[in-house]
Protein backbone atom coordinates (compact mmCIF):
# COMPACT_ATOMS: atom_id res chain seq x y z
CA UNK A 1 62.08 163.50 141.81
CA UNK A 2 64.51 160.70 142.62
CA UNK A 3 65.05 157.79 140.23
CA UNK A 4 66.98 154.94 141.86
CA UNK A 5 69.33 153.11 139.51
CA UNK A 6 69.49 149.57 140.83
CA UNK A 7 72.86 147.91 140.23
CA UNK A 8 73.41 145.97 143.44
CA UNK A 9 76.43 147.31 145.31
CA UNK A 10 76.88 149.96 142.59
CA UNK A 11 73.34 151.38 142.94
CA UNK A 12 72.82 155.12 143.16
CA UNK A 13 70.13 157.78 142.97
CA UNK A 14 69.46 160.18 140.13
CA UNK A 15 68.06 163.42 141.53
CA UNK A 16 66.03 165.55 139.09
CA UNK A 17 64.96 168.80 140.68
CA UNK A 18 64.96 172.45 139.74
CA UNK A 19 67.20 174.50 142.11
CA UNK A 20 68.98 171.29 143.24
CA UNK A 21 72.35 172.94 142.54
CA UNK A 22 71.54 175.60 145.15
CA UNK A 23 71.35 172.81 147.75
CA UNK A 24 74.04 170.55 146.36
CA UNK A 25 75.53 169.96 149.81
CA UNK A 26 72.31 168.19 150.82
CA UNK A 27 72.73 165.63 148.04
CA UNK A 28 76.47 164.97 147.84
CA UNK A 29 78.97 163.96 150.52
CA UNK A 30 81.31 166.95 150.26
CA UNK A 31 82.84 167.06 153.75
CA UNK A 32 86.24 166.10 152.31
CA UNK A 33 88.67 167.10 149.59
CA UNK A 34 86.81 167.51 146.28
CA UNK A 35 88.23 167.87 142.78
CA UNK A 36 85.54 169.85 140.92
CA UNK A 37 86.10 169.38 137.19
CA UNK A 38 84.43 171.85 134.83
CA UNK A 39 85.16 173.46 131.49
CA UNK A 40 85.48 176.99 130.18
CA UNK A 41 82.06 176.92 128.54
CA UNK A 42 80.20 176.15 131.77
CA UNK A 43 79.07 179.18 133.83
CA UNK A 44 81.47 179.39 136.77
CA UNK A 45 78.61 179.86 139.22
CA UNK A 46 77.83 176.14 138.93
CA UNK A 47 81.27 174.91 140.00
CA UNK A 48 81.46 177.68 142.61
CA UNK A 49 78.20 176.40 144.12
CA UNK A 50 79.79 172.98 144.58
CA UNK A 51 82.96 174.50 146.01
CA UNK A 52 80.99 176.52 148.57
CA UNK A 53 79.30 173.33 149.73
CA UNK A 54 82.63 171.48 149.98
CA UNK A 55 84.87 171.37 153.00
CA UNK A 56 87.97 171.55 150.80
CA UNK A 57 87.14 172.13 147.14
CA UNK A 58 89.52 172.57 144.20
CA UNK A 59 88.10 173.77 140.88
CA UNK A 60 89.96 172.46 137.83
CA UNK A 61 88.86 174.03 134.52
CA UNK A 62 89.61 172.49 131.14
CA UNK A 63 89.00 174.13 127.74
CA UNK A 64 85.56 173.65 126.27
CA UNK A 65 85.17 170.97 123.61
CA UNK A 66 85.72 167.31 122.79
CA UNK A 67 89.45 167.96 122.34
CA UNK A 68 89.77 168.24 126.12
CA UNK A 69 89.00 164.54 126.55
CA UNK A 70 92.67 163.88 125.93
CA UNK A 71 95.42 161.84 127.51
CA UNK A 72 97.34 165.07 128.27
CA UNK A 73 94.45 166.53 130.27
CA UNK A 74 93.88 163.20 131.99
CA UNK A 75 97.52 163.09 133.08
CA UNK A 76 97.52 166.75 134.16
CA UNK A 77 94.48 166.28 136.38
CA UNK A 78 95.98 163.21 138.03
CA UNK A 79 99.21 165.14 138.64
CA UNK A 80 97.20 168.00 140.16
CA UNK A 81 95.51 165.55 142.53
CA UNK A 82 98.85 164.03 143.55
CA UNK A 83 100.32 167.50 144.15
CA UNK A 84 97.36 168.40 146.35
CA UNK A 85 97.48 165.14 148.32
CA UNK A 86 94.12 163.70 147.33
CA UNK A 87 93.48 160.37 149.05
CA UNK A 88 91.21 157.36 148.58
CA UNK A 89 88.57 158.96 150.79
CA UNK A 90 88.27 162.08 148.61
CA UNK A 91 86.12 162.57 145.51
CA UNK A 92 85.74 163.96 142.00
CA UNK A 93 82.68 166.04 141.04
CA UNK A 94 82.08 166.65 137.33
CA UNK A 95 80.14 169.86 136.65
CA UNK A 96 79.33 170.33 132.98
CA UNK A 97 78.52 168.30 129.92
CA UNK A 98 79.59 164.92 128.67
CA UNK A 99 83.25 165.88 128.25
CA UNK A 100 83.54 166.73 131.95
CA UNK A 101 81.60 163.64 132.96
CA UNK A 102 83.59 161.25 130.77
CA UNK A 103 86.98 162.69 131.74
CA UNK A 104 86.14 163.22 135.41
CA UNK A 105 84.72 159.73 135.72
CA UNK A 106 87.82 158.17 134.17
CA UNK A 107 90.05 160.17 136.50
CA UNK A 108 88.01 158.96 139.49
CA UNK A 109 88.04 155.37 138.22
CA UNK A 110 91.82 155.24 137.95
CA UNK A 111 93.14 157.52 140.73
CA UNK A 112 94.32 155.24 143.55
CA UNK A 113 92.35 152.43 141.82
CA UNK A 114 89.08 154.28 142.26
CA UNK A 115 87.65 157.10 144.37
CA UNK A 116 84.11 158.43 144.71
CA UNK A 117 82.67 160.16 141.66
CA UNK A 118 79.63 162.47 141.42
CA UNK A 119 78.11 163.79 138.22
CA UNK A 120 76.32 167.15 138.01
CA UNK A 121 75.36 167.44 134.31
CA UNK A 122 74.52 170.94 133.09
CA UNK A 123 73.69 170.27 129.42
CA UNK A 124 70.60 168.60 128.00
CA UNK A 125 72.78 166.02 126.26
CA UNK A 126 74.44 164.92 129.48
CA UNK A 127 71.24 165.13 131.54
CA UNK A 128 69.42 162.83 129.12
CA UNK A 129 72.20 160.39 128.47
CA UNK A 130 75.87 160.42 129.40
CA UNK A 131 75.57 161.29 133.10
CA UNK A 132 74.18 157.88 134.06
CA UNK A 133 75.35 154.39 133.25
CA UNK A 134 79.00 154.55 134.23
CA UNK A 135 80.69 154.72 130.82
CA UNK A 136 83.76 156.94 131.31
CA UNK A 137 86.53 157.49 128.79
CA UNK A 138 89.00 159.66 126.94
CA UNK A 139 89.81 159.92 123.23
CA UNK A 140 93.13 158.82 121.76
CA UNK A 141 94.70 159.18 118.31
CA UNK A 142 91.51 160.64 116.89
CA UNK A 143 89.33 157.75 118.09
CA UNK A 144 86.49 158.74 120.40
CA UNK A 145 86.19 157.00 123.80
CA UNK A 146 88.77 154.37 122.88
CA UNK A 147 90.36 154.35 126.37
CA UNK A 148 87.95 154.03 129.27
CA UNK A 149 86.13 151.96 131.86
CA UNK A 150 82.76 151.21 133.39
CA UNK A 151 82.67 153.17 136.65
CA UNK A 152 79.39 154.15 138.25
CA UNK A 153 78.95 157.50 140.00
CA UNK A 154 77.83 157.61 143.62
CA UNK A 155 75.04 160.02 142.70
CA UNK A 156 73.83 162.13 139.77
CA UNK A 157 72.18 165.49 140.42
CA UNK A 158 70.24 167.04 137.53
CA UNK A 159 69.04 170.63 137.85
CA UNK A 160 67.09 171.57 134.68
CA UNK A 161 67.54 175.25 135.62
CA UNK A 162 71.10 174.99 134.31
CA UNK A 163 69.63 174.69 130.81
CA UNK A 164 68.60 178.36 130.98
CA UNK A 165 72.23 179.32 130.30
CA UNK A 166 72.65 176.82 127.48
CA UNK A 167 72.57 178.22 123.96
CA UNK A 168 69.82 177.01 121.67
CA UNK A 169 72.07 175.01 119.35
CA UNK A 170 73.57 173.05 122.25
CA UNK A 171 70.11 172.43 123.64
CA UNK A 172 68.80 171.07 120.35
CA UNK A 173 71.87 168.89 119.91
CA UNK A 174 71.17 167.46 123.36
CA UNK A 175 67.53 166.86 122.49
CA UNK A 176 68.75 164.41 119.86
CA UNK A 177 69.55 161.90 122.62
CA UNK A 178 65.92 161.98 123.71
CA UNK A 179 64.78 161.59 120.10
CA UNK A 180 67.19 158.69 119.61
CA UNK A 181 66.04 156.76 122.70
CA UNK A 182 62.37 157.42 121.99
CA UNK A 183 62.70 156.25 118.38
CA UNK A 184 64.08 152.95 119.63
CA UNK A 185 61.97 152.27 122.69
CA UNK A 186 59.14 154.73 123.42
CA UNK A 187 56.77 155.85 120.67
CA UNK A 188 54.80 158.08 123.09
CA UNK A 189 57.91 160.06 124.03
CA UNK A 190 58.79 160.35 120.34
CA UNK A 191 55.34 161.74 119.60
CA UNK A 192 55.64 164.20 122.50
CA UNK A 193 58.87 165.58 121.02
CA UNK A 194 57.55 165.35 117.46
CA UNK A 195 54.37 167.29 118.23
CA UNK A 196 55.56 169.64 121.00
CA UNK A 197 54.48 173.25 120.56
CA UNK A 198 56.29 174.44 123.70
CA UNK A 199 59.52 172.52 124.14
CA UNK A 200 60.59 174.48 127.22
CA UNK A 201 57.45 173.42 129.07
CA UNK A 202 57.92 169.81 127.98
CA UNK A 203 61.63 169.54 128.86
CA UNK A 204 61.21 168.22 132.40
CA UNK A 205 58.97 165.39 131.17
CA UNK A 206 61.33 164.63 128.29
CA UNK A 207 64.31 164.44 130.67
CA UNK A 208 62.52 162.16 133.13
CA UNK A 209 61.08 159.84 130.47
CA UNK A 210 64.41 159.68 128.65
CA UNK A 211 66.19 158.80 131.90
CA UNK A 212 63.63 156.08 132.62
CA UNK A 213 64.50 154.45 129.29
CA UNK A 214 68.22 154.56 129.94
CA UNK A 215 67.82 153.47 133.58
CA UNK A 216 65.90 150.34 132.53
CA UNK A 217 68.49 149.52 129.87
CA UNK A 218 71.48 150.02 132.19
CA UNK A 219 69.89 147.97 134.97
CA UNK A 220 69.43 145.04 132.60
CA UNK A 221 72.81 145.38 130.91
CA UNK A 222 75.30 147.47 132.93
CA UNK A 223 78.38 146.48 130.89
CA UNK A 224 76.96 146.71 127.37
CA UNK A 225 76.94 142.99 126.63
CA UNK A 226 73.52 142.96 125.02
CA UNK A 227 70.49 145.26 125.30
CA UNK A 228 72.52 148.36 126.21
CA UNK A 229 73.88 148.47 122.69
CA UNK A 230 70.50 149.96 121.71
CA UNK A 231 71.80 153.26 123.09
CA UNK A 232 74.33 153.25 120.25
CA UNK A 233 71.60 154.05 117.71
CA UNK A 234 73.18 156.65 115.44
CA UNK A 235 76.58 156.36 117.10
CA UNK A 236 78.46 154.05 114.73
CA UNK A 237 78.22 156.56 111.88
CA UNK A 238 77.87 159.51 114.27
CA UNK A 239 81.21 158.87 115.95
CA UNK A 240 82.89 158.62 112.54
CA UNK A 241 81.43 162.00 111.60
CA UNK A 242 82.56 163.42 114.93
CA UNK A 243 86.08 162.03 114.54
CA UNK A 244 86.44 163.55 111.07
CA UNK A 245 88.43 166.76 111.54
CA UNK A 246 86.79 168.24 108.45
CA UNK A 247 83.43 168.10 110.23
CA UNK A 248 84.71 169.41 113.56
CA UNK A 249 82.15 172.22 113.65
CA UNK A 250 79.37 169.71 114.29
CA UNK A 251 78.26 168.97 117.86
CA UNK A 252 77.97 165.43 119.22
CA UNK A 253 74.17 165.41 119.12
CA UNK A 254 74.20 166.71 115.56
CA UNK A 255 76.52 163.86 114.57
CA UNK A 256 74.22 161.33 116.25
CA UNK A 257 71.25 162.79 114.36
CA UNK A 258 73.07 162.35 111.07
CA UNK A 259 74.25 158.88 112.06
CA UNK A 260 70.74 157.69 112.87
CA UNK A 261 69.18 158.46 109.49
CA UNK A 262 70.85 155.71 107.42
CA UNK A 263 69.97 153.15 110.12
CA UNK A 264 66.19 153.51 109.79
CA UNK A 265 63.44 152.34 107.47
CA UNK A 266 62.12 154.79 104.89
CA UNK A 267 59.08 155.65 107.04
CA UNK A 268 61.11 156.16 110.17
CA UNK A 269 63.76 158.14 108.31
CA UNK A 270 61.08 160.51 107.00
CA UNK A 271 59.74 161.14 110.51
CA UNK A 272 63.23 161.57 111.93
CA UNK A 273 64.14 164.05 109.19
CA UNK A 274 61.02 166.09 109.93
CA UNK A 275 61.77 166.17 113.66
CA UNK A 276 65.42 167.06 113.09
CA UNK A 277 64.45 169.89 110.74
CA UNK A 278 61.90 171.14 113.28
CA UNK A 279 64.66 171.48 115.88
CA UNK A 280 67.33 172.77 113.46
CA UNK A 281 69.37 169.58 113.48
CA UNK A 282 71.28 168.59 110.31
CA UNK A 283 70.09 165.89 107.93
CA UNK A 284 72.82 166.12 105.26
CA UNK A 285 76.61 166.49 105.27
CA UNK A 286 79.18 167.29 102.63
CA UNK A 287 81.87 164.64 102.96
CA UNK A 288 83.24 161.47 101.41
CA UNK A 289 81.87 158.18 102.72
CA UNK A 290 85.30 156.57 102.30
CA UNK A 291 86.67 158.99 104.89
CA UNK A 292 83.90 158.05 107.33
CA UNK A 293 84.52 154.35 106.69
CA UNK A 294 88.16 154.72 107.76
CA UNK A 295 86.90 155.68 111.21
CA UNK A 296 84.08 153.14 111.33
CA UNK A 297 86.55 150.31 110.70
CA UNK A 298 88.44 151.43 113.84
CA UNK A 299 85.25 151.59 115.95
CA UNK A 300 85.65 149.71 119.23
CA UNK A 301 82.40 147.84 118.48
CA UNK A 302 83.84 146.39 115.25
CA UNK A 303 84.45 142.64 115.11
CA UNK A 304 86.67 141.92 112.13
CA UNK A 305 84.96 143.37 109.08
CA UNK A 306 81.53 143.51 110.74
CA UNK A 307 79.74 145.77 113.22
CA UNK A 308 76.45 145.14 115.00
CA UNK A 309 74.32 148.23 114.40
CA UNK A 310 70.98 149.37 115.79
CA UNK A 311 68.28 149.60 113.12
CA UNK A 312 64.83 151.13 113.66
CA UNK A 313 62.14 149.67 111.42
CA UNK A 314 59.22 151.20 113.35
CA UNK A 315 59.12 154.04 115.90
CA UNK A 316 59.36 152.52 119.39
CA UNK A 317 60.98 149.29 118.18
CA UNK A 318 64.53 148.35 117.20
CA UNK A 319 66.65 145.43 116.09
CA UNK A 320 70.33 144.58 116.16
CA UNK A 321 71.74 143.80 112.72
CA UNK A 322 75.26 142.55 112.03
CA UNK A 323 76.49 144.44 108.98
CA UNK A 324 79.63 144.23 106.92
CA UNK A 325 81.37 147.57 106.87
CA UNK A 326 80.80 147.77 103.10
CA UNK A 327 77.05 147.51 103.72
CA UNK A 328 77.22 150.46 106.09
CA UNK A 329 78.92 152.48 103.36
CA UNK A 330 75.95 151.84 101.05
CA UNK A 331 73.55 153.13 103.71
CA UNK A 332 75.66 156.27 104.14
CA UNK A 333 75.87 156.86 100.39
CA UNK A 334 72.12 156.51 100.06
CA UNK A 335 71.13 158.52 103.10
CA UNK A 336 72.98 161.59 104.37
CA UNK A 337 75.48 162.80 101.77
CA UNK A 338 74.74 166.03 99.92
């Protein structure tokens, strides 16, 4: 299946097809020098498949984990490209999860003021969410995605077969993005996930329907000036949890799950908790809300002492609410702390 993302001159196709990685040369323009960015947790056969299809491919492997989205790695990759004489006509291909996509996209956006970027997401989290929409970034001084840009890929190729090598915890953490989008905008998709008795059989439909939600949102609001902020459901608190070194063992999707619970009505919170428990996602954390608030106050979405958050009153519907940071603390205290 091909979903076209319509953004005028920045339009591109999202290819969703099992075995697409085996024919990656048919989908991407690889008859040039290609920087193939992957990480140590991604099976090497995926980046090797892209290299085989490239005329002149260079695999660059970073350590697995959010810590690799750093200024040091960003600089090292750029230096590697300079050393190997990459030009404006060459490209970057990210093969992996959101860390590779965010870092690779930011490298492509800034090298020689912008070269072609392709995204080949291999995790459920990145296939459902981060691989499309053009938000690319690195972390700095403990703040997630604080340095970045909007830079659309030339194409996204999603091969659900890559999920066969993904461990179950990573897969469930990725599923949270589908749950999050469905809770805000698609009650039928939420019910599919909520009632699924065979998740593996339902994954292709979940990926496609989740991408349709994000595609519609990005097309209407490519630079996050309005509607696109709905995709931040769970992220204001979730990013604070993720930035807290004491909670570093939690995955991004697990942090988003936790972050979504305080921002929902009692009825919605109960349904979310049941779904999260069904898929072994956390619903409580042992931390101090004051610590989380120190990160929330530095959130890039903050305006003075207020942040506009996404609140879900009813499954399939959402609203934007401007909250004082002290209000958010009350929701955290009353929702997810052990």
